[in-house]
Amino acid sequence: AGIPWARLDKVIGVMKAYSSCVGEG
């Protein structure tokens, strides 16, 4: 974002109730 000295207060992870994947691998 351009402010490398800043520190996050919270991380909210997002995930599906099942799995999905676009592309190879």
PDBML (XML) file of the C-alpha atoms, coordinates in Angstrom:
<?xml version="1.0" encoding="UTF-8" ?>
<PDBx:datablock datablockName="MODEL"
   xmlns:PDBx="http://pdbml.pdb.org/schema/pdbx-v50.xsd"
   xmlns:xsi="http://www.w3.org/2001/XMLSchema-instance"
   xsi:schemaLocation="http://pdbml.pdb.org/schema/pdbx-v50.xsd pdbx-v50.xsd">
   <PDBx:atom_siteCategory>
      <PDBx:atom_site id="1">
         <PDBx:B_iso_or_equiv>0.00</PDBx:B_iso_or_equiv>
         <PDBx:Cartn_x>0.000</PDBx:Cartn_x>
         <PDBx:Cartn_y>0.000</PDBx:Cartn_y>
         <PDBx:Cartn_z>0.000</PDBx:Cartn_z>
         <PDBx:auth_asym_id>A</PDBx:auth_asym_id>
         <PDBx:auth_atom_id>CA</PDBx:auth_atom_id>
         <PDBx:auth_comp_id>ALA</PDBx:auth_comp_id>
         <PDBx:auth_seq_id>1</PDBx:auth_seq_id>
         <PDBx:group_PDB>ATOM</PDBx:group_PDB>
         <PDBx:label_alt_id xsi:nil="true" />
         <PDBx:label_asym_id>A</PDBx:label_asym_id>
         <PDBx:label_atom_id>CA</PDBx:label_atom_id>
         <PDBx:label_comp_id>ALA</PDBx:label_comp_id>
         <PDBx:label_entity_id>1</PDBx:label_entity_id>
         <PDBx:label_seq_id>1</PDBx:label_seq_id>
         <PDBx:occupancy>1.00</PDBx:occupancy>
         <PDBx:pdbx_PDB_model_num>1</PDBx:pdbx_PDB_model_num>
         <PDBx:type_symbol>C</PDBx:type_symbol>
      </PDBx:atom_site>
      <PDBx:atom_site id="2">
         <PDBx:B_iso_or_equiv>0.00</PDBx:B_iso_or_equiv>
         <PDBx:Cartn_x>3.023</PDBx:Cartn_x>
         <PDBx:Cartn_y>2.264</PDBx:Cartn_y>
         <PDBx:Cartn_z>0.384</PDBx:Cartn_z>
         <PDBx:auth_asym_id>A</PDBx:auth_asym_id>
         <PDBx:auth_atom_id>CA</PDBx:auth_atom_id>
         <PDBx:auth_comp_id>GLY</PDBx:auth_comp_id>
         <PDBx:auth_seq_id>2</PDBx:auth_seq_id>
         <PDBx:group_PDB>ATOM</PDBx:group_PDB>
         <PDBx:label_alt_id xsi:nil="true" />
         <PDBx:label_asym_id>A</PDBx:label_asym_id>
         <PDBx:label_atom_id>CA</PDBx:label_atom_id>
         <PDBx:label_comp_id>GLY</PDBx:label_comp_id>
         <PDBx:label_entity_id>1</PDBx:label_entity_id>
         <PDBx:label_seq_id>2</PDBx:label_seq_id>
         <PDBx:occupancy>1.00</PDBx:occupancy>
         <PDBx:pdbx_PDB_model_num>1</PDBx:pdbx_PDB_model_num>
         <PDBx:type_symbol>C</PDBx:type_symbol>
      </PDBx:atom_site>
      <PDBx:atom_site id="3">
         <PDBx:B_iso_or_equiv>0.00</PDBx:B_iso_or_equiv>
         <PDBx:Cartn_x>3.259</PDBx:Cartn_x>
         <PDBx:Cartn_y>2.585</PDBx:Cartn_y>
         <PDBx:Cartn_z>4.172</PDBx:Cartn_z>
         <PDBx:auth_asym_id>A</PDBx:auth_asym_id>
         <PDBx:auth_atom_id>CA</PDBx:auth_atom_id>
         <PDBx:auth_comp_id>ILE</PDBx:auth_comp_id>
         <PDBx:auth_seq_id>3</PDBx:auth_seq_id>
         <PDBx:group_PDB>ATOM</PDBx:group_PDB>
         <PDBx:label_alt_id xsi:nil="true" />
         <PDBx:label_asym_id>A</PDBx:label_asym_id>
         <PDBx:label_atom_id>CA</PDBx:label_atom_id>
         <PDBx:label_comp_id>ILE</PDBx:label_comp_id>
         <PDBx:label_entity_id>1</PDBx:label_entity_id>
         <PDBx:label_seq_id>3</PDBx:label_seq_id>
         <PDBx:occupancy>1.00</PDBx:occupancy>
         <PDBx:pdbx_PDB_model_num>1</PDBx:pdbx_PDB_model_num>
         <PDBx:type_symbol>C</PDBx:type_symbol>
      </PDBx:atom_site>
      <PDBx:atom_site id="4">
         <PDBx:B_iso_or_equiv>0.00</PDBx:B_iso_or_equiv>
         <PDBx:Cartn_x>5.660</PDBx:Cartn_x>
         <PDBx:Cartn_y>-0.221</PDBx:Cartn_y>
         <PDBx:Cartn_z>5.168</PDBx:Cartn_z>
         <PDBx:auth_asym_id>A</PDBx:auth_asym_id>
         <PDBx:auth_atom_id>CA</PDBx:auth_atom_id>
         <PDBx:auth_comp_id>PRO</PDBx:auth_comp_id>
         <PDBx:auth_seq_id>4</PDBx:auth_seq_id>
         <PDBx:group_PDB>ATOM</PDBx:group_PDB>
         <PDBx:label_alt_id xsi:nil="true" />
         <PDBx:label_asym_id>A</PDBx:label_asym_id>
         <PDBx:label_atom_id>CA</PDBx:label_atom_id>
         <PDBx:label_comp_id>PRO</PDBx:label_comp_id>
         <PDBx:label_entity_id>1</PDBx:label_entity_id>
         <PDBx:label_seq_id>4</PDBx:label_seq_id>
         <PDBx:occupancy>1.00</PDBx:occupancy>
         <PDBx:pdbx_PDB_model_num>1</PDBx:pdbx_PDB_model_num>
         <PDBx:type_symbol>C</PDBx:type_symbol>
      </PDBx:atom_site>
      <PDBx:atom_site id="5">
         <PDBx:B_iso_or_equiv>0.00</PDBx:B_iso_or_equiv>
         <PDBx:Cartn_x>6.229</PDBx:Cartn_x>
         <PDBx:Cartn_y>1.185</PDBx:Cartn_y>
         <PDBx:Cartn_z>8.655</PDBx:Cartn_z>
         <PDBx:auth_asym_id>A</PDBx:auth_asym_id>
         <PDBx:auth_atom_id>CA</PDBx:auth_atom_id>
         <PDBx:auth_comp_id>TRP</PDBx:auth_comp_id>
         <PDBx:auth_seq_id>5</PDBx:auth_seq_id>
         <PDBx:group_PDB>ATOM</PDBx:group_PDB>
         <PDBx:label_alt_id xsi:nil="true" />
         <PDBx:label_asym_id>A</PDBx:label_asym_id>
         <PDBx:label_atom_id>CA</PDBx:label_atom_id>
         <PDBx:label_comp_id>TRP</PDBx:label_comp_id>
         <PDBx:label_entity_id>1</PDBx:label_entity_id>
         <PDBx:label_seq_id>5</PDBx:label_seq_id>
         <PDBx:occupancy>1.00</PDBx:occupancy>
         <PDBx:pdbx_PDB_model_num>1</PDBx:pdbx_PDB_model_num>
         <PDBx:type_symbol>C</PDBx:type_symbol>
      </PDBx:atom_site>
      <PDBx:atom_site id="6">
         <PDBx:B_iso_or_equiv>0.00</PDBx:B_iso_or_equiv>
         <PDBx:Cartn_x>2.561</PDBx:Cartn_x>
         <PDBx:Cartn_y>0.770</PDBx:Cartn_y>
         <PDBx:Cartn_z>9.587</PDBx:Cartn_z>
         <PDBx:auth_asym_id>A</PDBx:auth_asym_id>
         <PDBx:auth_atom_id>CA</PDBx:auth_atom_id>
         <PDBx:auth_comp_id>ALA</PDBx:auth_comp_id>
         <PDBx:auth_seq_id>6</PDBx:auth_seq_id>
         <PDBx:group_PDB>ATOM</PDBx:group_PDB>
         <PDBx:label_alt_id xsi:nil="true" />
         <PDBx:label_asym_id>A</PDBx:label_asym_id>
         <PDBx:label_atom_id>CA</PDBx:label_atom_id>
         <PDBx:label_comp_id>ALA</PDBx:label_comp_id>
         <PDBx:label_entity_id>1</PDBx:label_entity_id>
         <PDBx:label_seq_id>6</PDBx:label_seq_id>
         <PDBx:occupancy>1.00</PDBx:occupancy>
         <PDBx:pdbx_PDB_model_num>1</PDBx:pdbx_PDB_model_num>
         <PDBx:type_symbol>C</PDBx:type_symbol>
      </PDBx:atom_site>
      <PDBx:atom_site id="7">
         <PDBx:B_iso_or_equiv>0.00</PDBx:B_iso_or_equiv>
         <PDBx:Cartn_x>1.303</PDBx:Cartn_x>
         <PDBx:Cartn_y>-2.285</PDBx:Cartn_y>
         <PDBx:Cartn_z>11.490</PDBx:Cartn_z>
         <PDBx:auth_asym_id>A</PDBx:auth_asym_id>
         <PDBx:auth_atom_id>CA</PDBx:auth_atom_id>
         <PDBx:auth_comp_id>ARG</PDBx:auth_comp_id>
         <PDBx:auth_seq_id>7</PDBx:auth_seq_id>
         <PDBx:group_PDB>ATOM</PDBx:group_PDB>
         <PDBx:label_alt_id xsi:nil="true" />
         <PDBx:label_asym_id>A</PDBx:label_asym_id>
         <PDBx:label_atom_id>CA</PDBx:label_atom_id>
         <PDBx:label_comp_id>ARG</PDBx:label_comp_id>
         <PDBx:label_entity_id>1</PDBx:label_entity_id>
         <PDBx:label_seq_id>7</PDBx:label_seq_id>
         <PDBx:occupancy>1.00</PDBx:occupancy>
         <PDBx:pdbx_PDB_model_num>1</PDBx:pdbx_PDB_model_num>
         <PDBx:type_symbol>C</PDBx:type_symbol>
      </PDBx:atom_site>
      <PDBx:atom_site id="8">
         <PDBx:B_iso_or_equiv>0.00</PDBx:B_iso_or_equiv>
         <PDBx:Cartn_x>-2.012</PDBx:Cartn_x>
         <PDBx:Cartn_y>-4.056</PDBx:Cartn_y>
         <PDBx:Cartn_z>11.055</PDBx:Cartn_z>
         <PDBx:auth_asym_id>A</PDBx:auth_asym_id>
         <PDBx:auth_atom_id>CA</PDBx:auth_atom_id>
         <PDBx:auth_comp_id>LEU</PDBx:auth_comp_id>
         <PDBx:auth_seq_id>8</PDBx:auth_seq_id>
         <PDBx:group_PDB>ATOM</PDBx:group_PDB>
         <PDBx:label_alt_id xsi:nil="true" />
         <PDBx:label_asym_id>A</PDBx:label_asym_id>
         <PDBx:label_atom_id>CA</PDBx:label_atom_id>
         <PDBx:label_comp_id>LEU</PDBx:label_comp_id>
         <PDBx:label_entity_id>1</PDBx:label_entity_id>
         <PDBx:label_seq_id>8</PDBx:label_seq_id>
         <PDBx:occupancy>1.00</PDBx:occupancy>
         <PDBx:pdbx_PDB_model_num>1</PDBx:pdbx_PDB_model_num>
         <PDBx:type_symbol>C</PDBx:type_symbol>
      </PDBx:atom_site>
      <PDBx:atom_site id="9">
         <PDBx:B_iso_or_equiv>0.00</PDBx:B_iso_or_equiv>
         <PDBx:Cartn_x>-4.439</PDBx:Cartn_x>
         <PDBx:Cartn_y>-4.192</PDBx:Cartn_y>
         <PDBx:Cartn_z>13.954</PDBx:Cartn_z>
         <PDBx:auth_asym_id>A</PDBx:auth_asym_id>
         <PDBx:auth_atom_id>CA</PDBx:auth_atom_id>
         <PDBx:auth_comp_id>ASP</PDBx:auth_comp_id>
         <PDBx:auth_seq_id>9</PDBx:auth_seq_id>
         <PDBx:group_PDB>ATOM</PDBx:group_PDB>
         <PDBx:label_alt_id xsi:nil="true" />
         <PDBx:label_asym_id>A</PDBx:label_asym_id>
         <PDBx:label_atom_id>CA</PDBx:label_atom_id>
         <PDBx:label_comp_id>ASP</PDBx:label_comp_id>
         <PDBx:label_entity_id>1</PDBx:label_entity_id>
         <PDBx:label_seq_id>9</PDBx:label_seq_id>
         <PDBx:occupancy>1.00</PDBx:occupancy>
         <PDBx:pdbx_PDB_model_num>1</PDBx:pdbx_PDB_model_num>
         <PDBx:type_symbol>C</PDBx:type_symbol>
      </PDBx:atom_site>
      <PDBx:atom_site id="10">
         <PDBx:B_iso_or_equiv>0.00</PDBx:B_iso_or_equiv>
         <PDBx:Cartn_x>-6.527</PDBx:Cartn_x>
         <PDBx:Cartn_y>-7.059</PDBx:Cartn_y>
         <PDBx:Cartn_z>12.573</PDBx:Cartn_z>
         <PDBx:auth_asym_id>A</PDBx:auth_asym_id>
         <PDBx:auth_atom_id>CA</PDBx:auth_atom_id>
         <PDBx:auth_comp_id>LYS</PDBx:auth_comp_id>
         <PDBx:auth_seq_id>10</PDBx:auth_seq_id>
         <PDBx:group_PDB>ATOM</PDBx:group_PDB>
         <PDBx:label_alt_id xsi:nil="true" />
         <PDBx:label_asym_id>A</PDBx:label_asym_id>
         <PDBx:label_atom_id>CA</PDBx:label_atom_id>
         <PDBx:label_comp_id>LYS</PDBx:label_comp_id>
         <PDBx:label_entity_id>1</PDBx:label_entity_id>
         <PDBx:label_seq_id>10</PDBx:label_seq_id>
         <PDBx:occupancy>1.00</PDBx:occupancy>
         <PDBx:pdbx_PDB_model_num>1</PDBx:pdbx_PDB_model_num>
         <PDBx:type_symbol>C</PDBx:type_symbol>
      </PDBx:atom_site>
      <PDBx:atom_site id="11">
         <PDBx:B_iso_or_equiv>0.00</PDBx:B_iso_or_equiv>
         <PDBx:Cartn_x>-6.562</PDBx:Cartn_x>
         <PDBx:Cartn_y>-9.633</PDBx:Cartn_y>
         <PDBx:Cartn_z>9.769</PDBx:Cartn_z>
         <PDBx:auth_asym_id>A</PDBx:auth_asym_id>
         <PDBx:auth_atom_id>CA</PDBx:auth_atom_id>
         <PDBx:auth_comp_id>VAL</PDBx:auth_comp_id>
         <PDBx:auth_seq_id>11</PDBx:auth_seq_id>
         <PDBx:group_PDB>ATOM</PDBx:group_PDB>
         <PDBx:label_alt_id xsi:nil="true" />
         <PDBx:label_asym_id>A</PDBx:label_asym_id>
         <PDBx:label_atom_id>CA</PDBx:label_atom_id>
         <PDBx:label_comp_id>VAL</PDBx:label_comp_id>
         <PDBx:label_entity_id>1</PDBx:label_entity_id>
         <PDBx:label_seq_id>11</PDBx:label_seq_id>
         <PDBx:occupancy>1.00</PDBx:occupancy>
         <PDBx:pdbx_PDB_model_num>1</PDBx:pdbx_PDB_model_num>
         <PDBx:type_symbol>C</PDBx:type_symbol>
      </PDBx:atom_site>
      <PDBx:atom_site id="12">
         <PDBx:B_iso_or_equiv>0.00</PDBx:B_iso_or_equiv>
         <PDBx:Cartn_x>-9.903</PDBx:Cartn_x>
         <PDBx:Cartn_y>-11.036</PDBx:Cartn_y>
         <PDBx:Cartn_z>8.621</PDBx:Cartn_z>
         <PDBx:auth_asym_id>A</PDBx:auth_asym_id>
         <PDBx:auth_atom_id>CA</PDBx:auth_atom_id>
         <PDBx:auth_comp_id>ILE</PDBx:auth_comp_id>
         <PDBx:auth_seq_id>12</PDBx:auth_seq_id>
         <PDBx:group_PDB>ATOM</PDBx:group_PDB>
         <PDBx:label_alt_id xsi:nil="true" />
         <PDBx:label_asym_id>A</PDBx:label_asym_id>
         <PDBx:label_atom_id>CA</PDBx:label_atom_id>
         <PDBx:label_comp_id>ILE</PDBx:label_comp_id>
         <PDBx:label_entity_id>1</PDBx:label_entity_id>
         <PDBx:label_seq_id>12</PDBx:label_seq_id>
         <PDBx:occupancy>1.00</PDBx:occupancy>
         <PDBx:pdbx_PDB_model_num>1</PDBx:pdbx_PDB_model_num>
         <PDBx:type_symbol>C</PDBx:type_symbol>
      </PDBx:atom_site>
      <PDBx:atom_site id="13">
         <PDBx:B_iso_or_equiv>0.00</PDBx:B_iso_or_equiv>
         <PDBx:Cartn_x>-9.490</PDBx:Cartn_x>
         <PDBx:Cartn_y>-14.185</PDBx:Cartn_y>
         <PDBx:Cartn_z>6.558</PDBx:Cartn_z>
         <PDBx:auth_asym_id>A</PDBx:auth_asym_id>
         <PDBx:auth_atom_id>CA</PDBx:auth_atom_id>
         <PDBx:auth_comp_id>GLY</PDBx:auth_comp_id>
         <PDBx:auth_seq_id>13</PDBx:auth_seq_id>
         <PDBx:group_PDB>ATOM</PDBx:group_PDB>
         <PDBx:label_alt_id xsi:nil="true" />
         <PDBx:label_asym_id>A</PDBx:label_asym_id>
         <PDBx:label_atom_id>CA</PDBx:label_atom_id>
         <PDBx:label_comp_id>GLY</PDBx:label_comp_id>
         <PDBx:label_entity_id>1</PDBx:label_entity_id>
         <PDBx:label_seq_id>13</PDBx:label_seq_id>
         <PDBx:occupancy>1.00</PDBx:occupancy>
         <PDBx:pdbx_PDB_model_num>1</PDBx:pdbx_PDB_model_num>
         <PDBx:type_symbol>C</PDBx:type_symbol>
      </PDBx:atom_site>
      <PDBx:atom_site id="14">
         <PDBx:B_iso_or_equiv>0.00</PDBx:B_iso_or_equiv>
         <PDBx:Cartn_x>-12.139</PDBx:Cartn_x>
         <PDBx:Cartn_y>-15.174</PDBx:Cartn_y>
         <PDBx:Cartn_z>4.021</PDBx:Cartn_z>
         <PDBx:auth_asym_id>A</PDBx:auth_asym_id>
         <PDBx:auth_atom_id>CA</PDBx:auth_atom_id>
         <PDBx:auth_comp_id>VAL</PDBx:auth_comp_id>
         <PDBx:auth_seq_id>14</PDBx:auth_seq_id>
         <PDBx:group_PDB>ATOM</PDBx:group_PDB>
         <PDBx:label_alt_id xsi:nil="true" />
         <PDBx:label_asym_id>A</PDBx:label_asym_id>
         <PDBx:label_atom_id>CA</PDBx:label_atom_id>
         <PDBx:label_comp_id>VAL</PDBx:label_comp_id>
         <PDBx:label_entity_id>1</PDBx:label_entity_id>
         <PDBx:label_seq_id>14</PDBx:label_seq_id>
         <PDBx:occupancy>1.00</PDBx:occupancy>
         <PDBx:pdbx_PDB_model_num>1</PDBx:pdbx_PDB_model_num>
         <PDBx:type_symbol>C</PDBx:type_symbol>
      </PDBx:atom_site>
      <PDBx:atom_site id="15">
         <PDBx:B_iso_or_equiv>0.00</PDBx:B_iso_or_equiv>
         <PDBx:Cartn_x>-12.884</PDBx:Cartn_x>
         <PDBx:Cartn_y>-18.750</PDBx:Cartn_y>
         <PDBx:Cartn_z>2.975</PDBx:Cartn_z>
         <PDBx:auth_asym_id>A</PDBx:auth_asym_id>
         <PDBx:auth_atom_id>CA</PDBx:auth_atom_id>
         <PDBx:auth_comp_id>MET</PDBx:auth_comp_id>
         <PDBx:auth_seq_id>15</PDBx:auth_seq_id>
         <PDBx:group_PDB>ATOM</PDBx:group_PDB>
         <PDBx:label_alt_id xsi:nil="true" />
         <PDBx:label_asym_id>A</PDBx:label_asym_id>
         <PDBx:label_atom_id>CA</PDBx:label_atom_id>
         <PDBx:label_comp_id>MET</PDBx:label_comp_id>
         <PDBx:label_entity_id>1</PDBx:label_entity_id>
         <PDBx:label_seq_id>15</PDBx:label_seq_id>
         <PDBx:occupancy>1.00</PDBx:occupancy>
         <PDBx:pdbx_PDB_model_num>1</PDBx:pdbx_PDB_model_num>
         <PDBx:type_symbol>C</PDBx:type_symbol>
      </PDBx:atom_site>
      <PDBx:atom_site id="16">
         <PDBx:B_iso_or_equiv>0.00</PDBx:B_iso_or_equiv>
         <PDBx:Cartn_x>-15.756</PDBx:Cartn_x>
         <PDBx:Cartn_y>-20.609</PDBx:Cartn_y>
         <PDBx:Cartn_z>1.354</PDBx:Cartn_z>
         <PDBx:auth_asym_id>A</PDBx:auth_asym_id>
         <PDBx:auth_atom_id>CA</PDBx:auth_atom_id>
         <PDBx:auth_comp_id>LYS</PDBx:auth_comp_id>
         <PDBx:auth_seq_id>16</PDBx:auth_seq_id>
         <PDBx:group_PDB>ATOM</PDBx:group_PDB>
         <PDBx:label_alt_id xsi:nil="true" />
         <PDBx:label_asym_id>A</PDBx:label_asym_id>
         <PDBx:label_atom_id>CA</PDBx:label_atom_id>
         <PDBx:label_comp_id>LYS</PDBx:label_comp_id>
         <PDBx:label_entity_id>1</PDBx:label_entity_id>
         <PDBx:label_seq_id>16</PDBx:label_seq_id>
         <PDBx:occupancy>1.00</PDBx:occupancy>
         <PDBx:pdbx_PDB_model_num>1</PDBx:pdbx_PDB_model_num>
         <PDBx:type_symbol>C</PDBx:type_symbol>
      </PDBx:atom_site>
      <PDBx:atom_site id="17">
         <PDBx:B_iso_or_equiv>0.00</PDBx:B_iso_or_equiv>
         <PDBx:Cartn_x>-17.840</PDBx:Cartn_x>
         <PDBx:Cartn_y>-23.244</PDBx:Cartn_y>
         <PDBx:Cartn_z>3.095</PDBx:Cartn_z>
         <PDBx:auth_asym_id>A</PDBx:auth_asym_id>
         <PDBx:auth_atom_id>CA</PDBx:auth_atom_id>
         <PDBx:auth_comp_id>ALA</PDBx:auth_comp_id>
         <PDBx:auth_seq_id>17</PDBx:auth_seq_id>
         <PDBx:group_PDB>ATOM</PDBx:group_PDB>
         <PDBx:label_alt_id xsi:nil="true" />
         <PDBx:label_asym_id>A</PDBx:label_asym_id>
         <PDBx:label_atom_id>CA</PDBx:label_atom_id>
         <PDBx:label_comp_id>ALA</PDBx:label_comp_id>
         <PDBx:label_entity_id>1</PDBx:label_entity_id>
         <PDBx:label_seq_id>17</PDBx:label_seq_id>
         <PDBx:occupancy>1.00</PDBx:occupancy>
         <PDBx:pdbx_PDB_model_num>1</PDBx:pdbx_PDB_model_num>
         <PDBx:type_symbol>C</PDBx:type_symbol>
      </PDBx:atom_site>
      <PDBx:atom_site id="18">
         <PDBx:B_iso_or_equiv>0.00</PDBx:B_iso_or_equiv>
         <PDBx:Cartn_x>-16.500</PDBx:Cartn_x>
         <PDBx:Cartn_y>-25.558</PDBx:Cartn_y>
         <PDBx:Cartn_z>0.361</PDBx:Cartn_z>
         <PDBx:auth_asym_id>A</PDBx:auth_asym_id>
         <PDBx:auth_atom_id>CA</PDBx:auth_atom_id>
         <PDBx:auth_comp_id>TYR</PDBx:auth_comp_id>
         <PDBx:auth_seq_id>18</PDBx:auth_seq_id>
         <PDBx:group_PDB>ATOM</PDBx:group_PDB>
         <PDBx:label_alt_id xsi:nil="true" />
         <PDBx:label_asym_id>A</PDBx:label_asym_id>
         <PDBx:label_atom_id>CA</PDBx:label_atom_id>
         <PDBx:label_comp_id>TYR</PDBx:label_comp_id>
         <PDBx:label_entity_id>1</PDBx:label_entity_id>
         <PDBx:label_seq_id>18</PDBx:label_seq_id>
         <PDBx:occupancy>1.00</PDBx:occupancy>
         <PDBx:pdbx_PDB_model_num>1</PDBx:pdbx_PDB_model_num>
         <PDBx:type_symbol>C</PDBx:type_symbol>
      </PDBx:atom_site>
      <PDBx:atom_site id="19">
         <PDBx:B_iso_or_equiv>0.00</PDBx:B_iso_or_equiv>
         <PDBx:Cartn_x>-13.512</PDBx:Cartn_x>
         <PDBx:Cartn_y>-25.237</PDBx:Cartn_y>
         <PDBx:Cartn_z>-1.991</PDBx:Cartn_z>
         <PDBx:auth_asym_id>A</PDBx:auth_asym_id>
         <PDBx:auth_atom_id>CA</PDBx:auth_atom_id>
         <PDBx:auth_comp_id>SER</PDBx:auth_comp_id>
         <PDBx:auth_seq_id>19</PDBx:auth_seq_id>
         <PDBx:group_PDB>ATOM</PDBx:group_PDB>
         <PDBx:label_alt_id xsi:nil="true" />
         <PDBx:label_asym_id>A</PDBx:label_asym_id>
         <PDBx:label_atom_id>CA</PDBx:label_atom_id>
         <PDBx:label_comp_id>SER</PDBx:label_comp_id>
         <PDBx:label_entity_id>1</PDBx:label_entity_id>
         <PDBx:label_seq_id>19</PDBx:label_seq_id>
         <PDBx:occupancy>1.00</PDBx:occupancy>
         <PDBx:pdbx_PDB_model_num>1</PDBx:pdbx_PDB_model_num>
         <PDBx:type_symbol>C</PDBx:type_symbol>
      </PDBx:atom_site>
      <PDBx:atom_site id="20">
         <PDBx:B_iso_or_equiv>0.00</PDBx:B_iso_or_equiv>
         <PDBx:Cartn_x>-13.181</PDBx:Cartn_x>
         <PDBx:Cartn_y>-23.674</PDBx:Cartn_y>
         <PDBx:Cartn_z>-5.428</PDBx:Cartn_z>
         <PDBx:auth_asym_id>A</PDBx:auth_asym_id>
         <PDBx:auth_atom_id>CA</PDBx:auth_atom_id>
         <PDBx:auth_comp_id>SER</PDBx:auth_comp_id>
         <PDBx:auth_seq_id>20</PDBx:auth_seq_id>
         <PDBx:group_PDB>ATOM</PDBx:group_PDB>
         <PDBx:label_alt_id xsi:nil="true" />
         <PDBx:label_asym_id>A</PDBx:label_asym_id>
         <PDBx:label_atom_id>CA</PDBx:label_atom_id>
         <PDBx:label_comp_id>SER</PDBx:label_comp_id>
         <PDBx:label_entity_id>1</PDBx:label_entity_id>
         <PDBx:label_seq_id>20</PDBx:label_seq_id>
         <PDBx:occupancy>1.00</PDBx:occupancy>
         <PDBx:pdbx_PDB_model_num>1</PDBx:pdbx_PDB_model_num>
         <PDBx:type_symbol>C</PDBx:type_symbol>
      </PDBx:atom_site>
      <PDBx:atom_site id="21">
         <PDBx:B_iso_or_equiv>0.00</PDBx:B_iso_or_equiv>
         <PDBx:Cartn_x>-10.239</PDBx:Cartn_x>
         <PDBx:Cartn_y>-23.047</PDBx:Cartn_y>
         <PDBx:Cartn_z>-7.716</PDBx:Cartn_z>
         <PDBx:auth_asym_id>A</PDBx:auth_asym_id>
         <PDBx:auth_atom_id>CA</PDBx:auth_atom_id>
         <PDBx:auth_comp_id>CYS</PDBx:auth_comp_id>
         <PDBx:auth_seq_id>21</PDBx:auth_seq_id>
         <PDBx:group_PDB>ATOM</PDBx:group_PDB>
         <PDBx:label_alt_id xsi:nil="true" />
         <PDBx:label_asym_id>A</PDBx:label_asym_id>
         <PDBx:label_atom_id>CA</PDBx:label_atom_id>
         <PDBx:label_comp_id>CYS</PDBx:label_comp_id>
         <PDBx:label_entity_id>1</PDBx:label_entity_id>
         <PDBx:label_seq_id>21</PDBx:label_seq_id>
         <PDBx:occupancy>1.00</PDBx:occupancy>
         <PDBx:pdbx_PDB_model_num>1</PDBx:pdbx_PDB_model_num>
         <PDBx:type_symbol>C</PDBx:type_symbol>
      </PDBx:atom_site>
      <PDBx:atom_site id="22">
         <PDBx:B_iso_or_equiv>0.00</PDBx:B_iso_or_equiv>
         <PDBx:Cartn_x>-9.858</PDBx:Cartn_x>
         <PDBx:Cartn_y>-21.264</PDBx:Cartn_y>
         <PDBx:Cartn_z>-11.056</PDBx:Cartn_z>
         <PDBx:auth_asym_id>A</PDBx:auth_asym_id>
         <PDBx:auth_atom_id>CA</PDBx:auth_atom_id>
         <PDBx:auth_comp_id>VAL</PDBx:auth_comp_id>
         <PDBx:auth_seq_id>22</PDBx:auth_seq_id>
         <PDBx:group_PDB>ATOM</PDBx:group_PDB>
         <PDBx:label_alt_id xsi:nil="true" />
         <PDBx:label_asym_id>A</PDBx:label_asym_id>
         <PDBx:label_atom_id>CA</PDBx:label_atom_id>
         <PDBx:label_comp_id>VAL</PDBx:label_comp_id>
         <PDBx:label_entity_id>1</PDBx:label_entity_id>
         <PDBx:label_seq_id>22</PDBx:label_seq_id>
         <PDBx:occupancy>1.00</PDBx:occupancy>
         <PDBx:pdbx_PDB_model_num>1</PDBx:pdbx_PDB_model_num>
         <PDBx:type_symbol>C</PDBx:type_symbol>
      </PDBx:atom_site>
      <PDBx:atom_site id="23">
         <PDBx:B_iso_or_equiv>0.00</PDBx:B_iso_or_equiv>
         <PDBx:Cartn_x>-7.052</PDBx:Cartn_x>
         <PDBx:Cartn_y>-22.391</PDBx:Cartn_y>
         <PDBx:Cartn_z>-13.327</PDBx:Cartn_z>
         <PDBx:auth_asym_id>A</PDBx:auth_asym_id>
         <PDBx:auth_atom_id>CA</PDBx:auth_atom_id>
         <PDBx:auth_comp_id>GLY</PDBx:auth_comp_id>
         <PDBx:auth_seq_id>23</PDBx:auth_seq_id>
         <PDBx:group_PDB>ATOM</PDBx:group_PDB>
         <PDBx:label_alt_id xsi:nil="true" />
         <PDBx:label_asym_id>A</PDBx:label_asym_id>
         <PDBx:label_atom_id>CA</PDBx:label_atom_id>
         <PDBx:label_comp_id>GLY</PDBx:label_comp_id>
         <PDBx:label_entity_id>1</PDBx:label_entity_id>
         <PDBx:label_seq_id>23</PDBx:label_seq_id>
         <PDBx:occupancy>1.00</PDBx:occupancy>
         <PDBx:pdbx_PDB_model_num>1</PDBx:pdbx_PDB_model_num>
         <PDBx:type_symbol>C</PDBx:type_symbol>
      </PDBx:atom_site>
      <PDBx:atom_site id="24">
         <PDBx:B_iso_or_equiv>0.00</PDBx:B_iso_or_equiv>
         <PDBx:Cartn_x>-4.413</PDBx:Cartn_x>
         <PDBx:Cartn_y>-25.071</PDBx:Cartn_y>
         <PDBx:Cartn_z>-13.240</PDBx:Cartn_z>
         <PDBx:auth_asym_id>A</PDBx:auth_asym_id>
         <PDBx:auth_atom_id>CA</PDBx:auth_atom_id>
         <PDBx:auth_comp_id>GLU</PDBx:auth_comp_id>
         <PDBx:auth_seq_id>24</PDBx:auth_seq_id>
         <PDBx:group_PDB>ATOM</PDBx:group_PDB>
         <PDBx:label_alt_id xsi:nil="true" />
         <PDBx:label_asym_id>A</PDBx:label_asym_id>
         <PDBx:label_atom_id>CA</PDBx:label_atom_id>
         <PDBx:label_comp_id>GLU</PDBx:label_comp_id>
         <PDBx:label_entity_id>1</PDBx:label_entity_id>
         <PDBx:label_seq_id>24</PDBx:label_seq_id>
         <PDBx:occupancy>1.00</PDBx:occupancy>
         <PDBx:pdbx_PDB_model_num>1</PDBx:pdbx_PDB_model_num>
         <PDBx:type_symbol>C</PDBx:type_symbol>
      </PDBx:atom_site>
      <PDBx:atom_site id="25">
         <PDBx:B_iso_or_equiv>0.00</PDBx:B_iso_or_equiv>
         <PDBx:Cartn_x>-2.497</PDBx:Cartn_x>
         <PDBx:Cartn_y>-26.701</PDBx:Cartn_y>
         <PDBx:Cartn_z>-10.438</PDBx:Cartn_z>
         <PDBx:auth_asym_id>A</PDBx:auth_asym_id>
         <PDBx:auth_atom_id>CA</PDBx:auth_atom_id>
         <PDBx:auth_comp_id>GLY</PDBx:auth_comp_id>
         <PDBx:auth_seq_id>25</PDBx:auth_seq_id>
         <PDBx:group_PDB>ATOM</PDBx:group_PDB>
         <PDBx:label_alt_id xsi:nil="true" />
         <PDBx:label_asym_id>A</PDBx:label_asym_id>
         <PDBx:label_atom_id>CA</PDBx:label_atom_id>
         <PDBx:label_comp_id>GLY</PDBx:label_comp_id>
         <PDBx:label_entity_id>1</PDBx:label_entity_id>
         <PDBx:label_seq_id>25</PDBx:label_seq_id>
         <PDBx:occupancy>1.00</PDBx:occupancy>
         <PDBx:pdbx_PDB_model_num>1</PDBx:pdbx_PDB_model_num>
         <PDBx:type_symbol>C</PDBx:type_symbol>
      </PDBx:atom_site>
   </PDBx:atom_siteCategory>
</PDBx:datablock>
